[in-house]
Protein backbone atom coordinates (compact mmCIF):
# COMPACT_ATOMS: atom_id res chain seq x y z
CA MET A 1 9.22 72.61 68.14
CA ILE A 2 10.54 69.10 67.76
CA GLY A 3 12.92 70.30 65.04
CA LEU A 4 14.23 73.13 67.19
CA CYS A 5 14.86 70.75 70.09
CA VAL A 6 16.83 68.42 67.80
CA VAL A 7 18.98 71.32 66.52
CA ALA A 8 19.67 72.57 70.06
CA ALA A 9 20.62 69.09 71.21
CA CYS A 10 23.05 68.67 68.29
CA ALA A 11 24.66 72.07 69.00
CA ALA A 12 25.11 71.20 72.67
CA ALA A 13 26.63 67.85 71.79
CA GLY A 14 29.03 69.52 69.34
CA LEU A 15 30.15 72.12 71.90
CA TRP A 16 30.71 69.45 74.53
CA GLY A 17 32.72 67.31 72.11
CA THR A 18 34.90 70.27 71.10
CA GLN A 19 35.68 71.05 74.74
CA GLN A 20 36.63 67.44 75.37
CA ILE A 21 38.97 67.37 72.39
CA LEU A 22 40.64 70.65 73.41
CA SER A 23 40.93 69.46 76.98
CA GLN A 24 42.63 66.23 75.92
CA GLY A 25 44.98 68.12 73.61
CA GLY A 26 46.04 70.54 76.40
CA SER A 27 46.65 67.70 78.82
CA GLY A 28 48.89 66.03 76.26
CA GLU A 29 51.01 69.14 75.84
CA ALA A 30 51.32 69.53 79.61
CA ALA A 31 52.29 65.95 80.00
CA SER A 32 55.06 66.18 77.40
CA ALA A 33 58.62 66.47 78.87
CA PRO A 34 60.43 69.89 78.76
CA PRO A 35 63.29 70.18 76.27
CA ALA A 36 66.80 69.21 77.43
CA VAL A 37 69.11 72.06 78.52
CA ARG A 38 72.30 72.43 76.48
CA VAL A 39 75.35 72.53 78.75
CA ALA A 40 79.14 72.44 78.59
CA LEU A 41 80.99 70.01 80.86
CA THR A 42 84.38 69.79 82.50
CA ARG A 43 86.08 67.49 84.99
CA PRO A 44 87.97 68.13 88.25
CA GLU A 45 91.76 68.15 88.06
CA THR A 46 94.50 67.07 90.43
CA ARG A 47 96.65 69.98 91.59
CA GLN A 48 99.56 70.64 93.94
CA ILE A 49 98.00 72.93 96.51
CA GLU A 50 99.81 75.06 99.07
CA ASP A 51 98.29 75.52 102.51
CA ARG A 52 99.06 79.18 103.16
CA VAL A 53 98.33 81.82 105.76
CA GLY A 54 98.74 85.52 105.14
CA GLY A 55 98.50 88.91 106.72
CA VAL A 56 99.29 92.56 106.15
CA GLY A 57 101.63 94.93 107.89
CA THR A 58 104.01 97.86 107.50
CA LEU A 59 107.69 97.58 106.67
CA ILE A 60 110.18 99.20 109.03
CA PRO A 61 114.00 99.12 109.07
CA VAL A 62 115.53 96.70 111.54
CA ARG A 63 117.62 99.58 112.91
CA SER A 64 116.37 103.16 112.89
CA VAL A 65 117.18 105.99 115.32
CA GLU A 66 116.67 109.72 115.62
CA LEU A 67 119.95 111.63 115.64
CA VAL A 68 119.94 114.13 118.50
CA PRO A 69 123.02 116.12 119.64
CA ALA A 70 123.98 115.53 123.24
CA ALA A 71 124.51 119.27 123.80
CA ALA A 72 122.83 122.51 122.82
CA GLY A 73 124.58 125.01 120.60
CA ARG A 74 124.86 126.84 117.32
CA VAL A 75 125.33 124.75 114.17
CA THR A 76 128.57 125.52 112.31
CA ASP A 77 128.49 122.82 109.64
CA VAL A 78 126.17 120.21 108.11
CA PRO A 79 128.47 118.13 105.83
CA VAL A 80 125.72 115.72 104.70
CA SER A 81 122.42 116.06 102.84
CA SER A 82 118.95 114.52 103.01
CA GLY A 83 118.73 110.89 101.88
CA GLU A 84 122.49 110.42 101.82
CA GLU A 85 124.13 107.10 102.73
CA VAL A 86 126.64 107.48 105.56
CA ASN A 87 129.09 105.16 107.28
CA GLU A 88 129.47 104.53 110.99
CA GLY A 89 131.42 107.37 112.62
CA GLU A 90 130.85 109.84 109.75
CA ILE A 91 130.10 113.41 110.87
CA VAL A 92 126.48 114.43 110.36
CA LEU A 93 126.46 117.81 112.14
CA GLN A 94 128.98 120.06 113.87
CA LEU A 95 128.18 122.49 116.69
CA ASP A 96 130.27 125.47 117.71
CA ASP A 97 133.01 123.93 119.89
CA ARG A 98 135.31 126.87 120.62
CA ALA A 99 134.35 127.10 124.29
CA ALA A 100 134.57 123.34 124.65
CA ARG A 101 138.09 123.32 123.15
CA ALA A 102 139.17 126.07 125.54
CA SER A 103 137.78 124.15 128.49
CA LEU A 104 139.61 121.05 127.30
CA ALA A 105 142.92 122.93 127.03
CA GLU A 106 142.46 124.28 130.57
CA ALA A 107 141.61 120.80 131.87
CA GLU A 108 144.68 119.33 130.17
CA ALA A 109 146.93 121.94 131.78
CA THR A 110 145.42 121.43 135.21
CA PHE A 111 145.77 117.67 134.81
CA ALA A 112 149.42 117.94 133.81
CA GLU A 113 150.16 120.19 136.79
CA ALA A 114 148.33 117.88 139.22
CA GLU A 115 150.10 114.85 137.78
CA ASP A 116 153.54 116.40 138.21
CA ALA A 117 152.77 117.42 141.77
CA PHE A 118 151.49 113.97 142.60
CA ARG A 119 154.62 112.29 141.16
CA ARG A 120 156.97 114.58 143.18
CA VAL A 121 155.11 113.95 146.42
CA GLU A 122 155.06 110.25 145.65
CA GLU A 123 158.86 110.23 145.19
CA LEU A 124 159.38 112.14 148.41
CA THR A 125 157.14 109.71 150.26
CA ASP A 126 159.24 106.81 149.00
CA SER A 127 162.29 108.45 150.58
CA ASN A 128 160.32 109.17 153.78
CA THR A 129 160.70 112.91 153.25
CA ALA A 130 157.03 113.87 152.77
CA ALA A 131 154.17 113.08 155.08
CA GLU A 132 151.49 110.57 154.15
CA ALA A 133 148.84 113.30 154.38
CA ARG A 134 150.51 115.35 151.66
CA LEU A 135 150.58 112.28 149.42
CA GLU A 136 146.87 111.68 149.83
CA GLU A 137 146.13 115.32 149.15
CA ALA A 138 148.18 115.26 145.96
CA ARG A 139 146.57 112.02 144.83
CA ALA A 140 143.08 113.50 145.31
CA ALA A 141 144.01 116.61 143.32
CA TYR A 142 145.39 114.42 140.55
CA ARG A 143 142.19 112.37 140.36
CA ARG A 144 140.00 115.51 140.29
CA ALA A 145 142.07 116.91 137.47
CA GLU A 146 141.80 113.61 135.60
CA ALA A 147 138.00 113.59 135.98
CA ALA A 148 137.77 117.21 134.82
CA LEU A 149 139.84 116.32 131.75
CA MET A 150 137.54 113.44 130.89
CA MET A 151 134.49 115.70 131.22
CA ALA A 152 136.07 118.33 128.99
CA ARG A 153 136.84 115.74 126.33
CA ALA A 154 133.27 114.37 126.47
CA ASP A 155 131.83 117.89 126.21
CA LEU A 156 133.93 118.51 123.13
CA GLU A 157 132.84 115.20 121.58
CA ASP A 158 129.19 116.10 122.25
CA ARG A 159 129.61 119.07 119.89
CA THR A 160 130.01 116.65 116.98
CA LEU A 161 127.10 114.43 115.90
CA VAL A 162 128.25 111.25 114.14
CA ALA A 163 126.41 108.28 112.60
CA PRO A 164 126.22 105.38 115.07
CA PHE A 165 125.98 102.81 112.24
CA ASP A 166 125.91 102.56 108.45
CA GLY A 167 122.61 103.74 107.04
CA VAL A 168 120.54 106.25 105.08
CA LEU A 169 119.68 109.67 106.43
CA GLY A 170 116.18 111.07 106.41
CA LEU A 171 115.21 114.67 105.69
CA ILE A 172 117.51 117.37 107.12
CA ASP A 173 115.99 120.84 107.53
CA ILE A 174 118.81 122.40 109.55
CA GLU A 175 121.35 124.85 108.16
CA ALA A 176 124.56 126.34 109.52
CA GLY A 177 123.77 129.10 112.01
CA THR A 178 120.71 127.35 113.46
CA PHE A 179 120.68 127.15 117.25
CA LEU A 180 119.72 123.70 118.47
CA GLY A 181 118.21 123.37 121.89
CA GLU A 182 118.77 120.33 124.07
CA GLY A 183 116.93 117.26 122.76
CA MET A 184 116.16 118.65 119.30
CA ALA A 185 116.33 115.95 116.61
CA VAL A 186 118.35 116.60 113.47
CA THR A 187 117.16 113.70 111.30
CA ARG A 188 116.58 109.94 111.31
CA LEU A 189 119.19 107.33 110.40
CA SER A 190 117.91 103.99 109.08
CA ASP A 191 119.71 100.80 108.20
CA ILE A 192 117.56 99.51 105.32
CA THR A 193 119.75 96.57 104.31
CA THR A 194 117.27 94.43 106.25
CA MET A 195 113.59 95.29 106.66
CA GLU A 196 111.19 93.99 109.29
CA LEU A 197 107.48 93.24 108.90
CA THR A 198 105.08 92.62 111.79
CA VAL A 199 101.97 90.59 110.93
CA SER A 200 99.02 89.46 113.08
CA LEU A 201 97.77 85.87 112.52
CA PRO A 202 94.74 83.97 113.93
CA GLU A 203 95.45 81.86 116.99
CA ARG A 204 94.64 78.58 115.18
CA TYR A 205 97.98 78.91 113.38
CA PHE A 206 100.02 79.42 116.55
CA ASP A 207 101.42 75.89 116.66
CA ARG A 208 102.22 75.88 112.94
CA ILE A 209 104.45 78.96 112.89
CA GLU A 210 108.14 78.57 113.69
CA VAL A 211 111.17 80.85 113.60
CA GLY A 212 113.01 80.36 110.32
CA GLN A 213 109.96 79.65 108.14
CA SER A 214 110.02 81.29 104.71
CA VAL A 215 107.81 84.31 104.10
CA ASN A 216 106.78 85.69 100.69
CA VAL A 217 106.26 89.46 100.72
CA THR A 218 104.68 91.73 98.09
CA THR A 219 104.04 95.47 98.14
CA PRO A 220 101.82 97.79 96.07
CA ALA A 221 104.98 99.67 95.05
CA TYR A 222 106.29 96.55 93.26
CA PRO A 223 103.19 94.47 92.42
CA ASP A 224 105.09 92.13 90.09
CA THR A 225 107.99 91.45 92.47
CA GLN A 226 108.07 88.96 95.31
CA PHE A 227 110.54 89.46 98.16
CA GLU A 228 111.81 86.58 100.26
CA GLY A 229 112.13 86.69 104.02
CA GLU A 230 111.89 84.48 107.08
CA VAL A 231 110.17 84.50 110.44
CA SER A 232 112.50 86.00 113.06
CA VAL A 233 110.15 86.22 116.06
CA ARG A 234 106.88 84.59 117.09
CA ALA A 235 105.02 86.24 119.95
CA PRO A 236 105.03 84.01 123.06
CA GLU A 237 101.31 84.52 123.69
CA VAL A 238 97.95 85.18 122.04
CA SER A 239 96.21 88.54 122.51
CA LEU A 240 93.12 88.32 124.73
CA GLU A 241 91.39 91.11 122.79
CA THR A 242 91.91 89.88 119.22
CA ARG A 243 92.63 86.15 119.75
CA SER A 244 95.59 86.55 117.42
CA PHE A 245 99.35 86.64 117.76
CA ASN A 246 102.11 88.63 116.09
CA ILE A 247 105.08 87.42 114.12
CA ARG A 248 108.03 89.40 112.81
CA ALA A 249 109.69 88.61 109.53
CA GLU A 250 113.03 89.91 108.28
CA ILE A 251 113.40 90.61 104.54
CA ASP A 252 116.77 91.03 102.87
CA ASN A 253 116.89 94.44 101.18
CA ALA A 254 120.46 94.69 99.95
CA ASN A 255 119.29 96.47 96.78
CA GLY A 256 117.49 99.12 98.85
CA ARG A 257 114.18 98.91 96.97
CA LEU A 258 112.11 98.60 100.15
CA VAL A 259 111.85 101.53 102.54
CA GLY A 260 110.24 102.13 105.89
CA GLY A 261 106.51 102.79 105.96
CA MET A 262 105.61 100.65 102.94
CA PHE A 263 102.42 98.59 103.16
CA ALA A 264 103.11 94.88 102.55
CA ASP A 265 101.32 91.53 102.21
CA ALA A 266 102.97 88.47 103.70
CA GLU A 267 102.25 84.79 103.00
CA ILE A 268 103.67 81.75 104.76
CA VAL A 269 103.44 78.33 103.09
CA LEU A 270 102.57 75.90 105.86
CA ASP A 271 102.17 72.72 103.78
CA THR A 272 101.97 71.42 100.20
CA TYR A 273 99.57 68.62 99.27
CA GLU A 274 97.73 67.12 96.29
CA GLY A 275 94.04 67.95 95.89
CA LEU A 276 91.16 68.42 93.45
CA ALA A 277 90.30 71.70 91.72
CA ILE A 278 87.45 72.82 89.47
CA ALA A 279 86.95 75.86 87.25
CA ASP A 280 85.46 78.85 89.07
CA ASP A 281 82.74 79.15 86.40
CA ALA A 282 81.24 75.85 87.54
CA ILE A 283 80.72 76.86 91.17
CA ILE A 284 77.40 78.31 92.33
CA SER A 285 77.16 80.09 95.68
CA GLU A 286 73.99 80.77 97.61
CA GLY A 287 74.60 82.32 100.98
CA LEU A 288 76.99 80.07 102.87
CA ALA A 289 76.33 77.10 100.57
CA SER A 290 78.34 76.22 97.47
CA TYR A 291 77.39 73.60 94.90
CA VAL A 292 77.83 72.46 91.31
CA TYR A 293 75.69 70.54 88.86
CA THR A 294 77.04 67.16 87.83
CA VAL A 295 75.58 65.05 85.01
CA SER A 296 74.52 61.45 85.53
CA ASP A 297 72.42 59.40 83.07
CA GLY A 298 71.56 62.54 81.08
CA ALA A 299 70.19 64.43 84.08
CA ALA A 300 71.55 67.26 86.22
CA VAL A 301 72.36 66.47 89.84
CA ARG A 302 72.84 69.28 92.35
CA THR A 303 76.03 68.40 94.27
CA GLU A 304 77.12 70.23 97.41
CA ILE A 305 80.89 70.93 97.63
CA ASP A 306 83.34 72.25 100.19
CA PRO A 307 85.47 74.87 98.38
CA GLY A 308 89.01 75.56 99.53
CA GLN A 309 91.73 77.91 98.31
CA SER A 310 91.55 79.98 95.16
CA LEU A 311 94.00 78.80 92.49
CA GLY A 312 93.77 81.53 89.90
CA ALA A 313 90.86 80.63 87.57
CA MET A 314 90.20 77.47 89.58
CA THR A 315 89.18 76.65 93.15
CA GLU A 316 90.18 73.77 95.38
CA VAL A 317 87.36 71.32 96.19
CA ARG A 318 87.94 69.66 99.54
CA ASP A 319 84.84 67.46 99.48
CA GLY A 320 81.93 66.57 97.20
CA LEU A 321 83.60 65.69 93.87
CA GLY A 322 85.72 62.94 92.37
CA LEU A 323 88.02 62.83 89.36
CA GLU A 324 85.40 61.00 87.24
CA ASP A 325 82.57 63.46 87.88
CA ARG A 326 81.30 65.43 84.88
CA VAL A 327 80.59 68.98 86.04
CA VAL A 328 78.50 71.61 84.27
CA VAL A 329 80.68 74.64 83.56
CA ALA A 330 78.29 76.57 81.27
CA GLY A 331 74.49 76.56 81.03
CA TRP A 332 73.83 75.82 84.70
CA ASP A 333 71.77 79.01 85.09
CA ASN A 334 68.86 77.21 83.36
CA LEU A 335 69.22 73.98 85.34
CA SER A 336 67.40 72.48 88.28
CA ASP A 337 67.99 69.24 90.12
CA GLY A 338 66.94 66.34 87.88
CA ALA A 339 66.57 68.40 84.69
CA SER A 340 67.45 66.72 81.40
CA VAL A 341 70.67 67.93 79.81
CA GLU A 342 72.20 67.82 76.37
CA VAL A 343 76.00 68.04 76.20
CA ALA A 344 76.87 70.81 73.78
CA GLU A 345 80.60 70.97 74.55
CA ASP A 346 83.20 69.11 76.57
CA VAL A 347 85.90 71.52 77.72
CA ASP A 348 88.09 68.99 79.46
CA GLN A 349 90.89 69.19 76.94
CA GLN A 350 90.84 72.91 76.11
CA GLU A 351 89.59 75.22 78.82
CA ASP A 352 90.98 73.08 81.63
CA ALA A 353 94.48 73.37 80.14
CA ALA A 354 94.16 77.17 79.97
CA ALA A 355 92.80 77.26 83.51
CA GLN A 356 95.76 75.16 84.68
CA ASP A 357 98.21 77.75 83.31
CA GLU A 358 96.33 80.58 84.98
CA GLY A 359 96.15 78.62 88.23
CA ALA A 360 99.89 78.03 88.18
CA GLU A 361 100.49 81.76 87.82
CA GLY A 362 98.08 82.50 90.65
CA THR A 363 99.82 80.00 92.93
CA THR A 364 103.24 81.52 92.16
CA GLN A 365 102.01 84.97 93.03
């Protein structure tokens, strides 16, 4: 019995000692520091930044009218075709004018007769041969004949539809022989040498927009081309419903590439200033917050920033960083505030240069 007790006591002591050793070994592993995270670093850059405001709208010609004959009648000739360029005064459509010409000839004859009669009575009145009443009667007849002649001439002119200004015709679906009722439109005439774009802007920019400011315009039809224009009108008030105001910009279109109805983006450069920018890959966004990880004394530091405009592959940083800060651009997905870091690559001289080229292209666009 004594021997069994001694063996049991030794076994218990051995088990307890083993547990203590394992416990101390586990605590040592837990107490050891986690390995450093390998990261790539970059630095903020100084950039020329443009303070811009933009909007979208639809292009329309500065001058565009529907061509409608002033009289009803049967079409005898359509000397132009759809999409044709015409000059001011050029005939677009001719209506049957035979009756109008006959009426004009009759009015001319009546006018000539009334004029002769009025002159004879006027001469007799000068020699005191005719009465004053006959003179007034002849004068009235002469004036009525003159008015009838003017009406006949106008009626004849209304049978010919001419272009009121230089421009491009729209679609024409009318042929000779068609009877046009009063008020029926023939086509649309547009002067596309200058296009107009109306854009709505937030009210905070109201005091910064002036007539004459330059406007950069792009369209989906020509994604690689930028058209230049300028502000021609700024609305005198802000809309109560949208808290925005409209501006109108005129774009020179001498080459005729832009046409009415095109969708367009407009940007106005309000100011140019010098600011800091950082590569987009370094910025982390969580909800409304944006931050980066900077490195100080071998540890990661979560740094809140205030991002500004996009500059291609880079983003303006309005607050939170300085030129000397070292910013994590790769490997931040494994970081936390205060974590140890190991610099695997410094991309200041390589990737930043490439990003600068891309940013310059983005700013130009």
